[in-house]
């Protein structure tokens, strides 16, 4: 964006100088050259925006994959903890039953 604004400012300055000191044909050549430069800068800017969008998409995809893996890991850990809790409750119940029956 800054390059486009800078190119436009340079083009305006060049046109002003061309109008004052050059013939109409030379001024036209200067305008054509400045237009080509501005087009080149705009194309480079569009390409940079496209590259940034692609990189952002790839980063978002990576974040989604990492989040899915973390959620899966959390689910596995929760299931394992629940199994351990069940085992502990069953063990405590057996101990309590043994204590009541005197075994």
Protein backbone atom coordinates (compact mmCIF):
# COMPACT_ATOMS: atom_id res chain seq x y z
CA UNK A 1 0.00 0.00 0.00
CA UNK A 2 2.81 2.38 0.88
CA UNK A 3 4.55 1.58 -2.39
CA UNK A 4 1.43 2.49 -4.35
CA UNK A 5 1.05 5.80 -2.53
CA UNK A 6 4.74 6.53 -3.02
CA UNK A 7 4.51 5.68 -6.72
CA UNK A 8 1.50 7.96 -7.09
CA UNK A 9 3.35 10.81 -5.37
CA UNK A 10 6.40 10.32 -7.58
CA UNK A 11 4.18 10.19 -10.65
CA UNK A 12 2.51 13.46 -9.66
CA UNK A 13 5.87 15.12 -9.13
CA UNK A 14 7.20 13.82 -12.42
CA UNK A 15 4.13 15.07 -14.25
CA UNK A 16 4.53 18.50 -12.71
CA UNK A 17 8.16 18.70 -13.76
CA UNK A 18 7.43 17.28 -17.18
CA UNK A 19 4.72 19.84 -17.83
CA UNK A 20 7.04 22.69 -16.95
CA UNK A 21 10.26 21.72 -18.66
CA UNK A 22 9.61 19.15 -21.37
CA UNK A 23 7.74 18.98 -24.61
CA UNK A 24 4.36 17.26 -24.79
CA UNK A 25 5.89 14.15 -26.34
CA UNK A 26 8.54 13.84 -23.63
CA UNK A 27 5.90 14.42 -20.96
CA UNK A 28 3.80 11.63 -22.47
CA UNK A 29 6.79 9.28 -22.39
CA UNK A 30 7.39 10.16 -18.75
CA UNK A 31 3.73 9.52 -17.92
CA UNK A 32 3.87 6.13 -19.68
CA UNK A 33 6.99 5.16 -17.75
CA UNK A 34 5.45 6.24 -14.45
CA UNK A 35 2.27 4.29 -15.22
CA UNK A 36 4.32 1.17 -15.92
CA UNK A 37 6.15 1.61 -12.61
CA UNK A 38 2.89 2.08 -10.72
CA UNK A 39 1.43 -1.05 -12.36
CA UNK A 40 4.51 -3.05 -11.41
CA UNK A 41 4.28 -1.89 -7.79
CA UNK A 42 0.57 -2.75 -7.67
CA UNK A 43 1.21 -6.23 -9.06
CA UNK A 44 3.96 -6.85 -6.51
CA UNK A 45 1.62 -5.71 -3.74
CA UNK A 46 -1.14 -8.04 -4.92
CA UNK A 47 1.30 -10.95 -5.05
CA UNK A 48 2.47 -10.19 -1.49
CA UNK A 49 -1.13 -10.12 -0.28
CA UNK A 50 -1.78 -13.48 -1.95
CA UNK A 51 1.32 -14.99 -0.34
CA UNK A 52 0.29 -13.68 3.07
CA UNK A 53 -3.22 -15.11 2.67
CA UNK A 54 -1.79 -18.51 1.72
CA UNK A 55 0.55 -18.51 4.72
CA UNK A 56 -2.32 -17.54 7.01
CA UNK A 57 -4.43 -20.41 5.66
CA UNK A 58 -1.62 -22.89 6.24
CA UNK A 59 -1.09 -21.61 9.79
CA UNK A 60 -4.82 -21.90 10.52
CA UNK A 61 -4.85 -25.47 9.20
CA UNK A 62 -1.92 -26.32 11.47
CA UNK A 63 -3.71 -24.79 14.45
CA UNK A 64 -6.83 -26.85 13.74
CA UNK A 65 -4.77 -30.04 13.55
CA UNK A 66 -2.97 -29.23 16.80
CA UNK A 67 -6.26 -28.45 18.55
CA UNK A 68 -7.78 -31.74 17.38
CA UNK A 69 -4.75 -33.68 18.62
CA UNK A 70 -4.86 -31.90 21.99
CA UNK A 71 -8.59 -32.63 22.35
CA UNK A 72 -8.01 -36.29 21.53
CA UNK A 73 -5.21 -36.46 24.10
CA UNK A 74 -7.42 -34.83 26.72
CA UNK A 75 -10.24 -37.29 26.00
CA UNK A 76 -7.85 -40.24 26.35
CA UNK A 77 -6.48 -38.88 29.63
CA UNK A 78 -10.00 -38.32 30.96
CA UNK A 79 -11.05 -41.85 30.05
CA UNK A 80 -7.96 -43.27 31.75
CA UNK A 81 -8.58 -41.18 34.88
CA UNK A 82 -12.21 -42.32 34.96
CA UNK A 83 -11.09 -45.96 34.73
CA UNK A 84 -8.65 -45.42 37.58
CA UNK A 85 -11.42 -43.80 39.63
CA UNK A 86 -13.74 -46.76 39.00
CA UNK A 87 -10.99 -49.16 40.10
CA UNK A 88 -10.37 -47.12 43.25
CA UNK A 89 -14.09 -47.01 44.14
CA UNK A 90 -14.46 -50.73 43.57
CA UNK A 91 -11.41 -51.39 45.73
CA UNK A 92 -12.70 -49.15 48.49
CA UNK A 93 -16.11 -50.85 48.35
CA UNK A 94 -14.45 -54.27 48.62
CA UNK A 95 -12.39 -53.09 51.58
CA UNK A 96 -15.51 -51.70 53.26
CA UNK A 97 -17.38 -54.96 52.65
CA UNK A 98 -14.48 -56.93 54.13
CA UNK A 99 -14.42 -54.64 57.15
CA UNK A 100 -18.17 -55.11 57.76
CA UNK A 101 -18.07 -58.88 57.38
CA UNK A 102 -14.87 -59.20 59.35
CA UNK A 103 -12.81 -60.88 56.68
